[in-house]
Amino acid sequence: MGRLPRRSGLRDPVAAARGLGAATLGLEALVLVLAIQPIRMLGAGFGTSAMAASAVLAVGAVVVAGLLRYRWAWYAGTVLQALVLLAGLLHWSLLGVGLVFAVVWAYVWHVRRVIVG
């Protein structure tokens, strides 16, 4: 007898995974926008560049969150996490945000794989 696939118990597991990913990216966008003021207050040499990067990455997170119905957008979300980590070169606070959300995004991928397959 073949092994039956595990059922998640969710009515629509794909939509649940998409909602989790969108919520994560939405929260990340909010944190990136809120990071602009502390960067402005604490920013040294690259403060203006870090503020601009934070704003652009926040917009990117919102855009990707809206596109998660497409498979490629999940990979774009991963690229976004790498870009936030890279923005940590401009200001240490962006590195902190990048580390936290990279771990959360990895968990979102794990949950997506478990419930969607």
C-alpha atoms as a PDB file:
ATOM      1  CA  MET A   1       0.000   0.000   0.000  1.00  0.00           C
ATOM      2  CA  GLY A   2       1.225   3.448  -0.865  1.00  0.00           C
ATOM      3  CA  ARG A   3       1.604   6.051   1.778  1.00  0.00           C
ATOM      4  CA  LEU A   4      -1.140   8.677   1.797  1.00  0.00           C
ATOM      5  CA  PRO A   5      -0.078  12.317   1.821  1.00  0.00           C
ATOM      6  CA  ARG A   6      -0.483  14.083   5.152  1.00  0.00           C
ATOM      7  CA  ARG A   7      -3.426  16.418   5.284  1.00  0.00           C
ATOM      8  CA  SER A   8      -2.875  19.741   6.979  1.00  0.00           C
ATOM      9  CA  GLY A   9      -6.480  20.096   8.097  1.00  0.00           C
ATOM     10  CA  LEU A  10      -6.659  23.511   6.451  1.00  0.00           C
ATOM     11  CA  ARG A  11      -9.434  24.249   4.006  1.00  0.00           C
ATOM     12  CA  ASP A  12      -7.017  25.975   1.610  1.00  0.00           C
ATOM     13  CA  PRO A  13      -3.378  25.308   2.572  1.00  0.00           C
ATOM     14  CA  VAL A  14      -1.999  27.346  -0.341  1.00  0.00           C
ATOM     15  CA  ALA A  15      -3.933  30.428   0.767  1.00  0.00           C
ATOM     16  CA  ALA A  16      -2.852  29.862   4.377  1.00  0.00           C
ATOM     17  CA  ALA A  17       0.809  29.744   3.367  1.00  0.00           C
ATOM     18  CA  ARG A  18       0.355  32.810   1.179  1.00  0.00           C
ATOM     19  CA  GLY A  19      -1.276  34.659   4.080  1.00  0.00           C
ATOM     20  CA  LEU A  20       1.578  33.765   6.410  1.00  0.00           C
ATOM     21  CA  GLY A  21       4.136  34.971   3.860  1.00  0.00           C
ATOM     22  CA  ALA A  22       2.229  38.188   3.184  1.00  0.00           C
ATOM     23  CA  ALA A  23       1.832  38.895   6.896  1.00  0.00           C
ATOM     24  CA  THR A  24       5.544  38.353   7.442  1.00  0.00           C
ATOM     25  CA  LEU A  25       6.510  40.675   4.601  1.00  0.00           C
ATOM     26  CA  GLY A  26       3.962  43.253   5.744  1.00  0.00           C
ATOM     27  CA  LEU A  27       5.425  43.234   9.241  1.00  0.00           C
ATOM     28  CA  GLU A  28       8.905  43.509   7.786  1.00  0.00           C
ATOM     29  CA  ALA A  29       7.816  46.525   5.722  1.00  0.00           C
ATOM     30  CA  LEU A  30       6.436  48.171   8.852  1.00  0.00           C
ATOM     31  CA  VAL A  31       9.667  47.534  10.769  1.00  0.00           C
ATOM     32  CA  LEU A  32      11.734  48.913   7.889  1.00  0.00           C
ATOM     33  CA  VAL A  33       9.649  52.091   7.776  1.00  0.00           C
ATOM     34  CA  LEU A  34       9.861  52.494  11.547  1.00  0.00           C
ATOM     35  CA  ALA A  35      13.647  52.000  11.351  1.00  0.00           C
ATOM     36  CA  ILE A  36      14.054  55.206   9.340  1.00  0.00           C
ATOM     37  CA  GLN A  37      13.786  57.520  12.374  1.00  0.00           C
ATOM     38  CA  PRO A  38      16.391  55.727  14.536  1.00  0.00           C
ATOM     39  CA  ILE A  39      18.692  55.542  11.517  1.00  0.00           C
ATOM     40  CA  ARG A  40      18.246  59.301  11.074  1.00  0.00           C
ATOM     41  CA  MET A  41      19.049  59.936  14.732  1.00  0.00           C
ATOM     42  CA  LEU A  42      21.979  57.505  14.998  1.00  0.00           C
ATOM     43  CA  GLY A  43      23.173  57.465  11.409  1.00  0.00           C
ATOM     44  CA  ALA A  44      26.764  58.252  10.717  1.00  0.00           C
ATOM     45  CA  GLY A  45      28.369  58.456   7.266  1.00  0.00           C
ATOM     46  CA  PHE A  46      25.787  56.367   5.379  1.00  0.00           C
ATOM     47  CA  GLY A  47      22.675  57.558   7.256  1.00  0.00           C
ATOM     48  CA  THR A  48      20.903  59.026   4.238  1.00  0.00           C
ATOM     49  CA  SER A  49      21.688  55.994   2.097  1.00  0.00           C
ATOM     50  CA  ALA A  50      20.482  53.663   4.847  1.00  0.00           C
ATOM     51  CA  MET A  51      17.215  55.601   5.177  1.00  0.00           C
ATOM     52  CA  ALA A  52      16.654  55.441   1.426  1.00  0.00           C
ATOM     53  CA  ALA A  53      17.482  51.735   1.356  1.00  0.00           C
ATOM     54  CA  SER A  54      15.085  51.092   4.230  1.00  0.00           C
ATOM     55  CA  ALA A  55      12.266  52.915   2.417  1.00  0.00           C
ATOM     56  CA  VAL A  56      12.917  51.131  -0.888  1.00  0.00           C
ATOM     57  CA  LEU A  57      13.101  47.739   0.808  1.00  0.00           C
ATOM     58  CA  ALA A  58       9.836  48.446   2.653  1.00  0.00           C
ATOM     59  CA  VAL A  59       8.104  49.196  -0.642  1.00  0.00           C
ATOM     60  CA  GLY A  60       9.641  46.051  -2.112  1.00  0.00           C
ATOM     61  CA  ALA A  61       8.319  43.963   0.774  1.00  0.00           C
ATOM     62  CA  VAL A  62       4.788  45.284   0.231  1.00  0.00           C
ATOM     63  CA  VAL A  63       4.979  44.617  -3.511  1.00  0.00           C
ATOM     64  CA  VAL A  64       6.274  41.074  -3.028  1.00  0.00           C
ATOM     65  CA  ALA A  65       3.615  40.411  -0.374  1.00  0.00           C
ATOM     66  CA  GLY A  66       0.963  41.301  -2.924  1.00  0.00           C
ATOM     67  CA  LEU A  67       2.462  38.985  -5.530  1.00  0.00           C
ATOM     68  CA  LEU A  68       2.834  35.815  -3.445  1.00  0.00           C
ATOM     69  CA  ARG A  69       0.158  34.096  -5.534  1.00  0.00           C
ATOM     70  CA  TYR A  70       2.936  33.574  -8.067  1.00  0.00           C
ATOM     71  CA  ARG A  71       5.596  30.960  -7.312  1.00  0.00           C
ATOM     72  CA  TRP A  72       8.448  33.240  -8.376  1.00  0.00           C
ATOM     73  CA  ALA A  73       7.425  35.840  -5.768  1.00  0.00           C
ATOM     74  CA  TRP A  74       8.427  33.441  -2.983  1.00  0.00           C
ATOM     75  CA  TYR A  75      11.951  33.471  -4.402  1.00  0.00           C
ATOM     76  CA  ALA A  76      11.763  37.254  -4.738  1.00  0.00           C
ATOM     77  CA  GLY A  77      10.965  37.346  -1.014  1.00  0.00           C
ATOM     78  CA  THR A  78      14.129  35.387  -0.365  1.00  0.00           C
ATOM     79  CA  VAL A  79      16.125  37.832  -2.494  1.00  0.00           C
ATOM     80  CA  LEU A  80      14.524  40.662  -0.521  1.00  0.00           C
ATOM     81  CA  GLN A  81      15.833  39.118   2.704  1.00  0.00           C
ATOM     82  CA  ALA A  82      19.329  38.990   1.209  1.00  0.00           C
ATOM     83  CA  LEU A  83      19.044  42.651   0.196  1.00  0.00           C
ATOM     84  CA  VAL A  84      18.023  43.669   3.716  1.00  0.00           C
ATOM     85  CA  LEU A  85      21.055  41.799   5.056  1.00  0.00           C
ATOM     86  CA  LEU A  86      23.217  43.542   2.468  1.00  0.00           C
ATOM     87  CA  ALA A  87      21.761  46.903   3.541  1.00  0.00           C
ATOM     88  CA  GLY A  88      23.287  46.104   6.915  1.00  0.00           C
ATOM     89  CA  LEU A  89      26.526  47.380   5.399  1.00  0.00           C
ATOM     90  CA  LEU A  90      24.945  50.840   5.426  1.00  0.00           C
ATOM     91  CA  HIS A  91      23.693  50.731   9.012  1.00  0.00           C
ATOM     92  CA  TRP A  92      23.931  48.104  11.754  1.00  0.00           C
ATOM     93  CA  SER A  93      20.208  48.319  12.547  1.00  0.00           C
ATOM     94  CA  LEU A  94      19.343  47.068   9.056  1.00  0.00           C
ATOM     95  CA  LEU A  95      21.607  44.101   9.667  1.00  0.00           C
ATOM     96  CA  GLY A  96      19.628  43.343  12.817  1.00  0.00           C
ATOM     97  CA  VAL A  97      16.321  43.597  10.962  1.00  0.00           C
ATOM     98  CA  GLY A  98      17.753  41.443   8.177  1.00  0.00           C
ATOM     99  CA  LEU A  99      18.921  38.712  10.545  1.00  0.00           C
ATOM    100  CA  VAL A 100      15.593  38.507  12.374  1.00  0.00           C
ATOM    101  CA  PHE A 101      13.477  38.454   9.241  1.00  0.00           C
ATOM    102  CA  ALA A 102      15.787  36.064   7.391  1.00  0.00           C
ATOM    103  CA  VAL A 103      15.196  33.536  10.172  1.00  0.00           C
ATOM    104  CA  VAL A 104      11.446  34.214  10.126  1.00  0.00           C
ATOM    105  CA  TRP A 105      11.356  33.904   6.320  1.00  0.00           C
ATOM    106  CA  ALA A 106      13.183  30.573   6.517  1.00  0.00           C
ATOM    107  CA  TYR A 107      10.504  29.397   8.963  1.00  0.00           C
ATOM    108  CA  VAL A 108       7.757  30.611   6.609  1.00  0.00           C
ATOM    109  CA  TRP A 109       9.342  28.541   3.820  1.00  0.00           C
ATOM    110  CA  HIS A 110       9.403  25.547   6.145  1.00  0.00           C
ATOM    111  CA  VAL A 111       5.736  25.943   7.070  1.00  0.00           C
ATOM    112  CA  ARG A 112       4.824  26.411   3.395  1.00  0.00           C
ATOM    113  CA  ARG A 113       6.662  23.216   2.474  1.00  0.00           C
ATOM    114  CA  VAL A 114       4.997  21.256   5.279  1.00  0.00           C
ATOM    115  CA  ILE A 115       1.413  22.336   4.573  1.00  0.00           C
ATOM    116  CA  VAL A 116       1.538  22.722   0.790  1.00  0.00           C
ATOM    117  CA  GLY A 117       4.070  20.062  -0.050  1.00  0.00           C
END
